[in-house]
C-alpha cells in the first residue's frame, strides 16, 4: 500500500502547528527544539531529518521584517537610547524564541515531504 502524501500547503501549516506532517495529530518535538524519532500518533519516522541553519535563518529574516517597521515607528517618539535599546532587545529575544520552533516545524515538514534525510534527498 502506497501512503498518500499531503499537499505542500498542508505540510507547511502542520509544521507551523508543530504537528506531524503525515497525520497532523502527533507532535514533532519532544522538547523546545528536539525532534521526536517518530510520530507518537501514526509512527511516521523522522529519523535523519535535520534543519541545520534553515530555521534560524528564516527566523532572523522574519524577525527583521517585523522589527524594522516597529523601530521606524518608535523612533518618532523620541525615546532616549538606553530604554529604546533595552525594549527592542527584549522584544527581539521574545519574538525570536517564539518564532524559532515554528520555523523549525516548517523545515522539518518540508524535509519530510521531499524525503531529505541527513541533508541529502533519499531516492526510493
PDB file of N, CA and C in Angstrom:
ATOM      1  N   UNK A   1       0.835  -1.180   0.000  1.00  0.00           N
ATOM      2  CA  UNK A   1       0.000   0.000   0.000  1.00  0.00           C
ATOM      3  C   UNK A   1       0.880   1.244   0.000  1.00  0.00           C
ATOM      4  N   UNK A   2       0.645   2.159  -0.919  1.00  0.00           N
ATOM      5  CA  UNK A   2       1.383   3.404  -1.019  1.00  0.00           C
ATOM      6  C   UNK A   2       0.676   4.457  -0.178  1.00  0.00           C
ATOM      7  N   UNK A   3       1.439   5.114   0.710  1.00  0.00           N
ATOM      8  CA  UNK A   3       0.807   6.131   1.546  1.00  0.00           C
ATOM      9  C   UNK A   3       0.612   7.419   0.749  1.00  0.00           C
ATOM     10  N   UNK A   4      -0.478   8.089   1.046  1.00  0.00           N
ATOM     11  CA  UNK A   4      -0.828   9.340   0.372  1.00  0.00           C
ATOM     12  C   UNK A   4       0.001  10.474   0.959  1.00  0.00           C
ATOM     13  N   UNK A   5       0.680  11.237   0.101  1.00  0.00           N
ATOM     14  CA  UNK A   5       1.480  12.377   0.523  1.00  0.00           C
ATOM     15  C   UNK A   5       0.581  13.609   0.623  1.00  0.00           C
ATOM     16  N   UNK A   6       0.578  14.308   1.771  1.00  0.00           N
ATOM     17  CA  UNK A   6      -0.237  15.520   1.888  1.00  0.00           C
ATOM     18  C   UNK A   6       0.282  16.626   0.961  1.00  0.00           C
ATOM     19  N   UNK A   7      -0.605  17.571   0.642  1.00  0.00           N
ATOM     20  CA  UNK A   7      -0.216  18.703  -0.184  1.00  0.00           C
ATOM     21  C   UNK A   7       0.813  19.557   0.550  1.00  0.00           C
ATOM     22  N   UNK A   8       1.636  20.267  -0.208  1.00  0.00           N
ATOM     23  CA  UNK A   8       2.699  21.089   0.349  1.00  0.00           C
ATOM     24  C   UNK A   8       2.155  22.137   1.320  1.00  0.00           C
ATOM     25  N   UNK A   9       1.060  22.777   0.970  1.00  0.00           N
ATOM     26  CA  UNK A   9       0.482  23.799   1.859  1.00  0.00           C
ATOM     27  C   UNK A   9       0.046  23.188   3.193  1.00  0.00           C
ATOM     28  N   UNK A  10      -0.488  21.973   3.149  1.00  0.00           N
ATOM     29  CA  UNK A  10      -0.907  21.296   4.379  1.00  0.00           C
ATOM     30  C   UNK A  10       0.301  20.936   5.246  1.00  0.00           C
ATOM     31  N   UNK A  11       1.389  20.509   4.606  1.00  0.00           N
ATOM     32  CA  UNK A  11       2.619  20.174   5.336  1.00  0.00           C
ATOM     33  C   UNK A  11       3.171  21.424   6.025  1.00  0.00           C
ATOM     34  N   UNK A  12       3.158  22.555   5.333  1.00  0.00           N
ATOM     35  CA  UNK A  12       3.659  23.807   5.920  1.00  0.00           C
ATOM     36  C   UNK A  12       2.789  24.238   7.097  1.00  0.00           C
ATOM     37  N   UNK A  13       1.494  24.166   6.949  1.00  0.00           N
ATOM     38  CA  UNK A  13       0.596  24.533   8.053  1.00  0.00           C
ATOM     39  C   UNK A  13       0.765  23.603   9.255  1.00  0.00           C
ATOM     40  N   UNK A  14       0.929  22.325   8.989  1.00  0.00           N
ATOM     41  CA  UNK A  14       1.167  21.384  10.087  1.00  0.00           C
ATOM     42  C   UNK A  14       2.504  21.670  10.766  1.00  0.00           C
ATOM     43  N   UNK A  15       3.500  22.074   9.986  1.00  0.00           N
ATOM     44  CA  UNK A  15       4.790  22.448  10.562  1.00  0.00           C
ATOM     45  C   UNK A  15       4.667  23.666  11.454  1.00  0.00           C
ATOM     46  N   UNK A  16       3.886  24.650  11.030  1.00  0.00           N
ATOM     47  CA  UNK A  16       3.666  25.844  11.862  1.00  0.00           C
ATOM     48  C   UNK A  16       2.964  25.490  13.168  1.00  0.00           C
ATOM     49  N   UNK A  17       2.140  24.453  13.134  1.00  0.00           N
ATOM     50  CA  UNK A  17       1.463  23.990  14.347  1.00  0.00           C
ATOM     51  C   UNK A  17       2.335  23.014  15.140  1.00  0.00           C
ATOM     52  N   UNK A  18       3.516  22.679  14.594  1.00  0.00           N
ATOM     53  CA  UNK A  18       4.460  21.737  15.194  1.00  0.00           C
ATOM     54  C   UNK A  18       3.849  20.350  15.353  1.00  0.00           C
ATOM     55  N   UNK A  19       3.117  19.961  14.316  1.00  0.00           N
ATOM     56  CA  UNK A  19       2.470  18.651  14.279  1.00  0.00           C
ATOM     57  C   UNK A  19       3.094  17.783  13.196  1.00  0.00           C
ATOM     58  N   UNK A  20       2.815  16.502  13.263  1.00  0.00           N
ATOM     59  CA  UNK A  20       3.334  15.541  12.293  1.00  0.00           C
ATOM     60  C   UNK A  20       2.893  15.928  10.883  1.00  0.00           C
ATOM     61  N   UNK A  21       3.827  15.958   9.929  1.00  0.00           N
ATOM     62  CA  UNK A  21       3.452  16.324   8.562  1.00  0.00           C
ATOM     63  C   UNK A  21       2.567  15.274   7.882  1.00  0.00           C
ATOM     64  N   UNK A  22       2.599  14.041   8.357  1.00  0.00           N
ATOM     65  CA  UNK A  22       1.788  12.973   7.749  1.00  0.00           C
ATOM     66  C   UNK A  22       0.348  13.006   8.261  1.00  0.00           C
ATOM     67  N   UNK A  23       0.178  12.932   9.591  1.00  0.00           N
ATOM     68  CA  UNK A  23      -1.177  12.819  10.136  1.00  0.00           C
ATOM     69  C   UNK A  23      -1.735  14.138  10.668  1.00  0.00           C
ATOM     70  N   UNK A  24      -0.873  15.061  11.058  1.00  0.00           N
ATOM     71  CA  UNK A  24      -1.309  16.344  11.595  1.00  0.00           C
ATOM     72  C   UNK A  24      -1.767  16.283  13.037  1.00  0.00           C
ATOM     73  N   UNK A  25      -1.598  15.140  13.690  1.00  0.00           N
ATOM     74  CA  UNK A  25      -2.070  14.976  15.067  1.00  0.00           C
ATOM     75  C   UNK A  25      -0.913  14.941  16.058  1.00  0.00           C
ATOM     76  N   UNK A  26       0.068  14.057  15.826  1.00  0.00           N
ATOM     77  CA  UNK A  26       1.174  13.886  16.764  1.00  0.00           C
ATOM     78  C   UNK A  26       2.129  15.063  16.756  1.00  0.00           C
ATOM     79  N   UNK A  27       2.773  15.278  17.873  1.00  0.00           N
ATOM     80  CA  UNK A  27       3.758  16.353  17.998  1.00  0.00           C
ATOM     81  C   UNK A  27       5.087  15.907  17.379  1.00  0.00           C
ATOM     82  N   UNK A  28       5.802  16.866  16.760  1.00  0.00           N
ATOM     83  CA  UNK A  28       7.093  16.511  16.167  1.00  0.00           C
ATOM     84  C   UNK A  28       8.261  16.830  17.089  1.00  0.00           C
ATOM     85  N   UNK A  29       8.006  17.574  18.173  1.00  0.00           N
ATOM     86  CA  UNK A  29       9.073  17.920  19.110  1.00  0.00           C
ATOM     87  C   UNK A  29       8.829  17.271  20.462  1.00  0.00           C
ATOM     88  N   UNK A  30       9.902  16.736  21.046  1.00  0.00           N
ATOM     89  CA  UNK A  30       9.801  16.198  22.403  1.00  0.00           C
ATOM     90  C   UNK A  30      10.188  17.255  23.432  1.00  0.00           C
ATOM     91  N   UNK A  31      10.811  18.322  22.999  1.00  0.00           N
ATOM     92  CA  UNK A  31      11.184  19.444  23.850  1.00  0.00           C
ATOM     93  C   UNK A  31      10.984  20.728  23.074  1.00  0.00           C
ATOM     94  N   UNK A  32      11.775  21.746  23.416  1.00  0.00           N
ATOM     95  CA  UNK A  32      11.648  23.033  22.739  1.00  0.00           C
ATOM     96  C   UNK A  32      11.991  22.916  21.254  1.00  0.00           C
ATOM     97  N   UNK A  33      13.121  22.257  20.938  1.00  0.00           N
ATOM     98  CA  UNK A  33      13.533  22.085  19.541  1.00  0.00           C
ATOM     99  C   UNK A  33      13.996  20.665  19.216  1.00  0.00           C
ATOM    100  N   UNK A  34      13.816  19.731  20.118  1.00  0.00           N
ATOM    101  CA  UNK A  34      14.268  18.356  19.924  1.00  0.00           C
ATOM    102  C   UNK A  34      13.230  17.571  19.120  1.00  0.00           C
ATOM    103  N   UNK A  35      13.653  17.069  17.966  1.00  0.00           N
ATOM    104  CA  UNK A  35      12.735  16.342  17.088  1.00  0.00           C
ATOM    105  C   UNK A  35      12.526  14.921  17.618  1.00  0.00           C
ATOM    106  N   UNK A  36      11.263  14.480  17.626  1.00  0.00           N
ATOM    107  CA  UNK A  36      10.936  13.100  18.006  1.00  0.00           C
ATOM    108  C   UNK A  36      11.541  12.135  16.981  1.00  0.00           C
ATOM    109  N   UNK A  37      11.786  10.893  17.386  1.00  0.00           N
ATOM    110  CA  UNK A  37      12.254   9.870  16.451  1.00  0.00           C
ATOM    111  C   UNK A  37      11.145   9.452  15.487  1.00  0.00           C
ATOM    112  N   UNK A  38       9.910   9.462  15.999  1.00  0.00           N
ATOM    113  CA  UNK A  38       8.745   9.086  15.189  1.00  0.00           C
ATOM    114  C   UNK A  38       7.516   9.771  15.762  1.00  0.00           C
ATOM    115  N   UNK A  39       6.494   9.883  14.949  1.00  0.00           N
ATOM    116  CA  UNK A  39       5.237  10.484  15.399  1.00  0.00           C
ATOM    117  C   UNK A  39       4.591   9.581  16.449  1.00  0.00           C
ATOM    118  N   UNK A  40       4.214  10.136  17.597  1.00  0.00           N
ATOM    119  CA  UNK A  40       3.565   9.308  18.614  1.00  0.00           C
ATOM    120  C   UNK A  40       2.176   8.817  18.193  1.00  0.00           C
ATOM    121  N   UNK A  41       1.578   9.426  17.189  1.00  0.00           N
ATOM    122  CA  UNK A  41       0.241   9.027  16.764  1.00  0.00           C
ATOM    123  C   UNK A  41       0.262   8.017  15.613  1.00  0.00           C
ATOM    124  N   UNK A  42       0.965   8.353  14.511  1.00  0.00           N
ATOM    125  CA  UNK A  42       0.933   7.476  13.325  1.00  0.00           C
ATOM    126  C   UNK A  42       2.240   6.699  13.109  1.00  0.00           C
ATOM    127  N   UNK A  43       3.223   6.909  13.975  1.00  0.00           N
ATOM    128  CA  UNK A  43       4.519   6.224  13.931  1.00  0.00           C
ATOM    129  C   UNK A  43       5.356   6.558  12.693  1.00  0.00           C
ATOM    130  N   UNK A  44       5.060   7.663  12.007  1.00  0.00           N
ATOM    131  CA  UNK A  44       5.873   8.104  10.867  1.00  0.00           C
ATOM    132  C   UNK A  44       7.266   8.465  11.367  1.00  0.00           C
ATOM    133  N   UNK A  45       8.290   7.958  10.714  1.00  0.00           N
ATOM    134  CA  UNK A  45       9.669   8.151  11.161  1.00  0.00           C
ATOM    135  C   UNK A  45      10.195   9.530  10.776  1.00  0.00           C
ATOM    136  N   UNK A  46      10.867  10.171  11.729  1.00  0.00           N
ATOM    137  CA  UNK A  46      11.555  11.439  11.484  1.00  0.00           C
ATOM    138  C   UNK A  46      13.064  11.239  11.559  1.00  0.00           C
ATOM    139  N   UNK A  47      13.485  10.000  11.505  1.00  0.00           N
ATOM    140  CA  UNK A  47      14.907   9.675  11.628  1.00  0.00           C
ATOM    141  C   UNK A  47      15.700  10.321  10.491  1.00  0.00           C
ATOM    142  N   UNK A  48      16.773  11.002  10.851  1.00  0.00           N
ATOM    143  CA  UNK A  48      17.660  11.614   9.871  1.00  0.00           C
ATOM    144  C   UNK A  48      17.211  12.978   9.387  1.00  0.00           C
ATOM    145  N   UNK A  49      16.065  13.460   9.850  1.00  0.00           N
ATOM    146  CA  UNK A  49      15.604  14.787   9.432  1.00  0.00           C
ATOM    147  C   UNK A  49      16.300  15.839  10.284  1.00  0.00           C
ATOM    148  N   UNK A  50      17.009  16.733   9.596  1.00  0.00           N
ATOM    149  CA  UNK A  50      17.713  17.839  10.260  1.00  0.00           C
ATOM    150  C   UNK A  50      17.325  19.138   9.561  1.00  0.00           C
ATOM    151  N   UNK A  51      17.303  20.206  10.329  1.00  0.00           N
ATOM    152  CA  UNK A  51      17.017  21.507   9.713  1.00  0.00           C
ATOM    153  C   UNK A  51      18.257  22.378   9.664  1.00  0.00           C
ATOM    154  N   UNK A  52      19.304  21.992  10.367  1.00  0.00           N
ATOM    155  CA  UNK A  52      20.565  22.727  10.405  1.00  0.00           C
ATOM    156  C   UNK A  52      20.319  24.224  10.599  1.00  0.00           C
ATOM    157  N   UNK A  53      20.750  25.057   9.649  1.00  0.00           N
ATOM    158  CA  UNK A  53      20.653  26.509   9.805  1.00  0.00           C
ATOM    159  C   UNK A  53      19.418  27.109   9.150  1.00  0.00           C
ATOM    160  N   UNK A  54      18.571  26.302   8.560  1.00  0.00           N
ATOM    161  CA  UNK A  54      17.408  26.835   7.844  1.00  0.00           C
ATOM    162  C   UNK A  54      16.431  27.544   8.787  1.00  0.00           C
ATOM    163  N   UNK A  55      16.111  26.932   9.914  1.00  0.00           N
ATOM    164  CA  UNK A  55      15.149  27.531  10.839  1.00  0.00           C
ATOM    165  C   UNK A  55      15.674  28.833  11.450  1.00  0.00           C
ATOM    166  N   UNK A  56      16.920  28.888  11.936  1.00  0.00           N
ATOM    167  CA  UNK A  56      17.424  30.179  12.432  1.00  0.00           C
ATOM    168  C   UNK A  56      17.496  31.249  11.341  1.00  0.00           C
ATOM    169  N   UNK A  57      17.860  30.842  10.128  1.00  0.00           N
ATOM    170  CA  UNK A  57      17.916  31.801   9.019  1.00  0.00           C
ATOM    171  C   UNK A  57      16.535  32.394   8.767  1.00  0.00           C
ATOM    172  N   UNK A  58      15.514  31.556   8.667  1.00  0.00           N
ATOM    173  CA  UNK A  58      14.156  32.036   8.418  1.00  0.00           C
ATOM    174  C   UNK A  58      13.647  32.882   9.587  1.00  0.00           C
ATOM    175  N   UNK A  59      14.027  32.514  10.800  1.00  0.00           N
ATOM    176  CA  UNK A  59      13.631  33.283  11.977  1.00  0.00           C
ATOM    177  C   UNK A  59      14.215  34.684  11.923  1.00  0.00           C
ATOM    178  N   UNK A  60      15.499  34.784  11.615  1.00  0.00           N
ATOM    179  CA  UNK A  60      16.148  36.096  11.529  1.00  0.00           C
ATOM    180  C   UNK A  60      15.537  36.924  10.404  1.00  0.00           C
ATOM    181  N   UNK A  61      15.276  36.292   9.273  1.00  0.00           N
ATOM    182  CA  UNK A  61      14.677  37.006   8.144  1.00  0.00           C
ATOM    183  C   UNK A  61      13.307  37.572   8.523  1.00  0.00           C
ATOM    184  N   UNK A  62      12.473  36.752   9.133  1.00  0.00           N
ATOM    185  CA  UNK A  62      11.140  37.189   9.535  1.00  0.00           C
ATOM    186  C   UNK A  62      11.216  38.235  10.645  1.00  0.00           C
ATOM    187  N   UNK A  63      12.109  38.031  11.593  1.00  0.00           N
ATOM    188  CA  UNK A  63      12.274  38.955  12.709  1.00  0.00           C
ATOM    189  C   UNK A  63      12.688  40.344  12.219  1.00  0.00           C
ATOM    190  N   UNK A  64      13.581  40.402  11.251  1.00  0.00           N
ATOM    191  CA  UNK A  64      13.996  41.687  10.685  1.00  0.00           C
ATOM    192  C   UNK A  64      12.835  42.421  10.045  1.00  0.00           C
ATOM    193  N   UNK A  65      11.966  41.679   9.362  1.00  0.00           N
ATOM    194  CA  UNK A  65      10.813  42.315   8.714  1.00  0.00           C
ATOM    195  C   UNK A  65       9.747  42.747   9.723  1.00  0.00           C
ATOM    196  N   UNK A  66       9.740  42.143  10.880  1.00  0.00           N
ATOM    197  CA  UNK A  66       8.799  42.547  11.924  1.00  0.00           C
ATOM    198  C   UNK A  66       9.345  43.746  12.697  1.00  0.00           C
ATOM    199  N   UNK A  67      10.631  43.701  13.047  1.00  0.00           N
ATOM    200  CA  UNK A  67      11.208  44.732  13.911  1.00  0.00           C
ATOM    201  C   UNK A  67      11.521  46.042  13.193  1.00  0.00           C
ATOM    202  N   UNK A  68      11.875  45.997  11.926  1.00  0.00           N
ATOM    203  CA  UNK A  68      12.244  47.228  11.217  1.00  0.00           C
ATOM    204  C   UNK A  68      11.123  48.265  11.231  1.00  0.00           C
ATOM    205  N   UNK A  69       9.895  47.900  10.887  1.00  0.00           N
ATOM    206  CA  UNK A  69       8.828  48.914  10.954  1.00  0.00           C
ATOM    207  C   UNK A  69       8.561  49.399  12.380  1.00  0.00           C
ATOM    208  N   UNK A  70       8.699  48.492  13.352  1.00  0.00           N
ATOM    209  CA  UNK A  70       8.480  48.890  14.748  1.00  0.00           C
ATOM    210  C   UNK A  70       9.518  49.924  15.154  1.00  0.00           C
ATOM    211  N   UNK A  71      10.767  49.712  14.791  1.00  0.00           N
ATOM    212  CA  UNK A  71      11.831  50.673  15.111  1.00  0.00           C
ATOM    213  C   UNK A  71      11.533  52.017  14.455  1.00  0.00           C
ATOM    214  N   UNK A  72      11.103  52.000  13.204  1.00  0.00           N
ATOM    215  CA  UNK A  72      10.816  53.245  12.497  1.00  0.00           C
ATOM    216  C   UNK A  72       9.675  54.019  13.169  1.00  0.00           C
ATOM    217  N   UNK A  73       8.707  53.313  13.703  1.00  0.00           N
ATOM    218  CA  UNK A  73       7.584  53.965  14.384  1.00  0.00           C
ATOM    219  C   UNK A  73       8.015  54.487  15.751  1.00  0.00           C
ATOM    220  N   UNK A  74       8.747  53.668  16.505  1.00  0.00           N
ATOM    221  CA  UNK A  74       9.143  54.030  17.869  1.00  0.00           C
ATOM    222  C   UNK A  74      10.129  55.193  17.875  1.00  0.00           C
ATOM    223  N   UNK A  75      10.959  55.315  16.855  1.00  0.00           N
ATOM    224  CA  UNK A  75      11.937  56.406  16.792  1.00  0.00           C
ATOM    225  C   UNK A  75      11.239  57.766  16.793  1.00  0.00           C
ATOM    226  N   UNK A  76      10.048  57.849  16.263  1.00  0.00           N
ATOM    227  CA  UNK A  76       9.307  59.117  16.209  1.00  0.00           C
ATOM    228  C   UNK A  76       8.912  59.626  17.598  1.00  0.00           C
ATOM    229  N   UNK A  77       8.898  58.743  18.606  1.00  0.00           N
ATOM    230  CA  UNK A  77       8.503  59.144  19.946  1.00  0.00           C
ATOM    231  C   UNK A  77       9.647  59.736  20.750  1.00  0.00           C
ATOM    232  N   UNK A  78      10.824  59.839  20.151  1.00  0.00           N
ATOM    233  CA  UNK A  78      11.993  60.484  20.771  1.00  0.00           C
ATOM    234  C   UNK A  78      12.320  59.907  22.157  1.00  0.00           C
ATOM    235  N   UNK A  79      12.391  58.577  22.217  1.00  0.00           N
ATOM    236  CA  UNK A  79      12.788  57.884  23.447  1.00  0.00           C
ATOM    237  C   UNK A  79      14.311  57.879  23.504  1.00  0.00           C
ATOM    238  N   UNK A  80      14.866  58.034  24.700  1.00  0.00           N
ATOM    239  CA  UNK A  80      16.331  58.036  24.817  1.00  0.00           C
ATOM    240  C   UNK A  80      16.897  56.667  24.429  1.00  0.00           C
ATOM    241  N   UNK A  81      18.169  56.620  24.129  1.00  0.00           N
ATOM    242  CA  UNK A  81      18.806  55.455  23.524  1.00  0.00           C
ATOM    243  C   UNK A  81      18.769  54.209  24.406  1.00  0.00           C
ATOM    244  N   UNK A  82      19.100  54.338  25.676  1.00  0.00           N
ATOM    245  CA  UNK A  82      19.173  53.159  26.551  1.00  0.00           C
ATOM    246  C   UNK A  82      17.823  52.453  26.704  1.00  0.00           C
ATOM    247  N   UNK A  83      16.751  53.162  27.062  1.00  0.00           N
ATOM    248  CA  UNK A  83      15.463  52.446  27.159  1.00  0.00           C
ATOM    249  C   UNK A  83      15.012  51.845  25.823  1.00  0.00           C
ATOM    250  N   UNK A  84      15.247  52.566  24.734  1.00  0.00           N
ATOM    251  CA  UNK A  84      14.878  52.051  23.420  1.00  0.00           C
ATOM    252  C   UNK A  84      15.649  50.770  23.100  1.00  0.00           C
ATOM    253  N   UNK A  85      16.925  50.759  23.402  1.00  0.00           N
ATOM    254  CA  UNK A  85      17.754  49.583  23.157  1.00  0.00           C
ATOM    255  C   UNK A  85      17.280  48.393  23.990  1.00  0.00           C
ATOM    256  N   UNK A  86      16.971  48.636  25.246  1.00  0.00           N
ATOM    257  CA  UNK A  86      16.511  47.558  26.129  1.00  0.00           C
ATOM    258  C   UNK A  86      15.162  47.011  25.642  1.00  0.00           C
ATOM    259  N   UNK A  87      14.251  47.897  25.295  1.00  0.00           N
ATOM    260  CA  UNK A  87      12.933  47.468  24.813  1.00  0.00           C
ATOM    261  C   UNK A  87      13.057  46.647  23.540  1.00  0.00           C
ATOM    262  N   UNK A  88      13.852  47.134  22.590  1.00  0.00           N
ATOM    263  CA  UNK A  88      13.992  46.426  21.323  1.00  0.00           C
ATOM    264  C   UNK A  88      14.723  45.090  21.500  1.00  0.00           C
ATOM    265  N   UNK A  89      15.713  45.036  22.380  1.00  0.00           N
ATOM    266  CA  UNK A  89      16.437  43.782  22.618  1.00  0.00           C
ATOM    267  C   UNK A  89      15.517  42.733  23.233  1.00  0.00           C
ATOM    268  N   UNK A  90      14.718  43.144  24.204  1.00  0.00           N
ATOM    269  CA  UNK A  90      13.777  42.209  24.847  1.00  0.00           C
ATOM    270  C   UNK A  90      12.727  41.752  23.832  1.00  0.00           C
ATOM    271  N   UNK A  91      12.209  42.689  23.047  1.00  0.00           N
ATOM    272  CA  UNK A  91      11.215  42.344  22.031  1.00  0.00           C
ATOM    273  C   UNK A  91      11.802  41.374  21.004  1.00  0.00           C
ATOM    274  N   UNK A  92      13.018  41.642  20.560  1.00  0.00           N
ATOM    275  CA  UNK A  92      13.674  40.759  19.587  1.00  0.00           C
ATOM    276  C   UNK A  92      13.888  39.371  20.173  1.00  0.00           C
ATOM    277  N   UNK A  93      14.312  39.294  21.415  1.00  0.00           N
ATOM    278  CA  UNK A  93      14.551  38.000  22.058  1.00  0.00           C
ATOM    279  C   UNK A  93      13.256  37.204  22.203  1.00  0.00           C
ATOM    280  N   UNK A  94      12.210  37.851  22.667  1.00  0.00           N
ATOM    281  CA  UNK A  94      10.933  37.167  22.858  1.00  0.00           C
ATOM    282  C   UNK A  94      10.373  36.681  21.513  1.00  0.00           C
ATOM    283  N   UNK A  95      10.414  37.551  20.507  1.00  0.00           N
ATOM    284  CA  UNK A  95       9.917  37.149  19.185  1.00  0.00           C
ATOM    285  C   UNK A  95      10.750  36.020  18.584  1.00  0.00           C
ATOM    286  N   UNK A  96      12.074  36.107  18.718  1.00  0.00           N
ATOM    287  CA  UNK A  96      12.942  35.061  18.163  1.00  0.00           C
ATOM    288  C   UNK A  96      12.663  33.710  18.823  1.00  0.00           C
ATOM    289  N   UNK A  97      12.516  33.712  20.147  1.00  0.00           N
ATOM    290  CA  UNK A  97      12.237  32.459  20.851  1.00  0.00           C
ATOM    291  C   UNK A  97      10.855  31.902  20.505  1.00  0.00           C
ATOM    292  N   UNK A  98       9.924  32.769  20.153  1.00  0.00           N
ATOM    293  CA  UNK A  98       8.596  32.313  19.754  1.00  0.00           C
ATOM    294  C   UNK A  98       8.536  31.822  18.317  1.00  0.00           C
ATOM    295  N   UNK A  99       9.290  32.473  17.433  1.00  0.00           N
ATOM    296  CA  UNK A  99       9.248  32.138  16.007  1.00  0.00           C
ATOM    297  C   UNK A  99      10.096  30.916  15.672  1.00  0.00           C
ATOM    298  N   UNK A 100      11.220  30.727  16.367  1.00  0.00           N
ATOM    299  CA  UNK A 100      12.158  29.649  16.031  1.00  0.00           C
ATOM    300  C   UNK A 100      11.521  28.256  15.985  1.00  0.00           C
ATOM    301  N   UNK A 101      10.728  27.833  16.976  1.00  0.00           N
ATOM    302  CA  UNK A 101      10.123  26.500  16.877  1.00  0.00           C
ATOM    303  C   UNK A 101       9.139  26.375  15.712  1.00  0.00           C
ATOM    304  N   UNK A 102       8.473  27.475  15.370  1.00  0.00           N
ATOM    305  CA  UNK A 102       7.543  27.446  14.245  1.00  0.00           C
ATOM    306  C   UNK A 102       8.296  27.210  12.939  1.00  0.00           C
ATOM    307  N   UNK A 103       9.405  27.920  12.770  1.00  0.00           N
ATOM    308  CA  UNK A 103      10.208  27.761  11.549  1.00  0.00           C
ATOM    309  C   UNK A 103      10.848  26.370  11.491  1.00  0.00           C
ATOM    310  N   UNK A 104      11.286  25.879  12.646  1.00  0.00           N
ATOM    311  CA  UNK A 104      11.867  24.533  12.656  1.00  0.00           C
ATOM    312  C   UNK A 104      10.808  23.503  12.287  1.00  0.00           C
ATOM    313  N   UNK A 105       9.584  23.689  12.771  1.00  0.00           N
ATOM    314  CA  UNK A 105       8.496  22.788  12.412  1.00  0.00           C
ATOM    315  C   UNK A 105       8.228  22.792  10.914  1.00  0.00           C
ATOM    316  N   UNK A 106       8.267  23.976  10.312  1.00  0.00           N
ATOM    317  CA  UNK A 106       8.059  24.081   8.866  1.00  0.00           C
ATOM    318  C   UNK A 106       9.155  23.338   8.118  1.00  0.00           C
ATOM    319  N   UNK A 107      10.409  23.540   8.505  1.00  0.00           N
ATOM    320  CA  UNK A 107      11.507  22.896   7.787  1.00  0.00           C
ATOM    321  C   UNK A 107      11.586  21.395   8.045  1.00  0.00           C
ATOM    322  N   UNK A 108      11.162  20.943   9.215  1.00  0.00           N
ATOM    323  CA  UNK A 108      11.054  19.502   9.447  1.00  0.00           C
ATOM    324  C   UNK A 108      10.014  18.920   8.491  1.00  0.00           C
ATOM    325  N   UNK A 109       8.872  19.602   8.378  1.00  0.00           N
ATOM    326  CA  UNK A 109       7.828  19.146   7.467  1.00  0.00           C
ATOM    327  C   UNK A 109       8.278  19.143   6.013  1.00  0.00           C
ATOM    328  N   UNK A 110       8.986  20.183   5.589  1.00  0.00           N
ATOM    329  CA  UNK A 110       9.474  20.245   4.209  1.00  0.00           C
ATOM    330  C   UNK A 110      10.499  19.148   3.928  1.00  0.00           C
ATOM    331  N   UNK A 111      11.418  18.936   4.880  1.00  0.00           N
ATOM    332  CA  UNK A 111      12.398  17.862   4.699  1.00  0.00           C
ATOM    333  C   UNK A 111      11.713  16.498   4.638  1.00  0.00           C
ATOM    334  N   UNK A 112      10.701  16.315   5.462  1.00  0.00           N
ATOM    335  CA  UNK A 112       9.952  15.050   5.425  1.00  0.00           C
ATOM    336  C   UNK A 112       9.240  14.914   4.081  1.00  0.00           C
ATOM    337  N   UNK A 113       8.574  15.977   3.636  1.00  0.00           N
ATOM    338  CA  UNK A 113       7.782  15.944   2.399  1.00  0.00           C
ATOM    339  C   UNK A 113       8.636  15.620   1.180  1.00  0.00           C
ATOM    340  N   UNK A 114       9.857  16.205   1.128  1.00  0.00           N
ATOM    341  CA  UNK A 114      10.737  15.975  -0.017  1.00  0.00           C
ATOM    342  C   UNK A 114      11.743  14.856   0.243  1.00  0.00           C
ATOM    343  N   UNK A 115      11.531  14.121   1.347  1.00  0.00           N
ATOM    344  CA  UNK A 115      12.338  12.954   1.706  1.00  0.00           C
ATOM    345  C   UNK A 115      13.832  13.287   1.754  1.00  0.00           C
ATOM    346  N   UNK A 116      14.157  14.360   2.478  1.00  0.00           N
ATOM    347  CA  UNK A 116      15.552  14.764   2.665  1.00  0.00           C
ATOM    348  C   UNK A 116      15.979  14.288   4.044  1.00  0.00           C
ATOM    349  N   UNK A 117      16.911  13.359   4.056  1.00  0.00           N
ATOM    350  CA  UNK A 117      17.419  12.792   5.316  1.00  0.00           C
ATOM    351  C   UNK A 117      18.927  13.042   5.376  1.00  0.00           C
ATOM    352  N   UNK A 118      19.403  13.454   6.525  1.00  0.00           N
ATOM    353  CA  UNK A 118      20.812  13.758   6.744  1.00  0.00           C
ATOM    354  C   UNK A 118      21.357  14.724   5.681  1.00  0.00           C
ATOM    355  N   UNK A 119      20.526  15.685   5.287  1.00  0.00           N
ATOM    356  CA  UNK A 119      20.945  16.731   4.373  1.00  0.00           C
ATOM    357  C   UNK A 119      20.965  16.356   2.896  1.00  0.00           C
ATOM    358  N   UNK A 120      20.529  15.162   2.554  1.00  0.00           N
ATOM    359  CA  UNK A 120      20.532  14.707   1.158  1.00  0.00           C
ATOM    360  C   UNK A 120      19.194  14.077   0.808  1.00  0.00           C
ATOM    361  N   UNK A 121      18.724  14.303  -0.434  1.00  0.00           N
ATOM    362  CA  UNK A 121      17.491  13.626  -0.855  1.00  0.00           C
ATOM    363  C   UNK A 121      17.682  12.122  -0.915  1.00  0.00           C
ATOM    364  N   UNK A 122      16.701  11.401  -0.424  1.00  0.00           N
ATOM    365  CA  UNK A 122      16.732   9.939  -0.474  1.00  0.00           C
ATOM    366  C   UNK A 122      15.870   9.507  -1.634  1.00  0.00           C
ATOM    367  N   UNK A 123      16.470   8.807  -2.581  1.00  0.00           N
ATOM    368  CA  UNK A 123      15.734   8.314  -3.751  1.00  0.00           C
ATOM    369  C   UNK A 123      15.286   6.889  -3.480  1.00  0.00           C
ATOM    370  N   UNK A 124      13.988   6.669  -3.551  1.00  0.00           N
ATOM    371  CA  UNK A 124      13.446   5.317  -3.279  1.00  0.00           C
ATOM    372  C   UNK A 124      13.560   4.431  -4.475  1.00  0.00           C
TER     373      UNK A 124
END
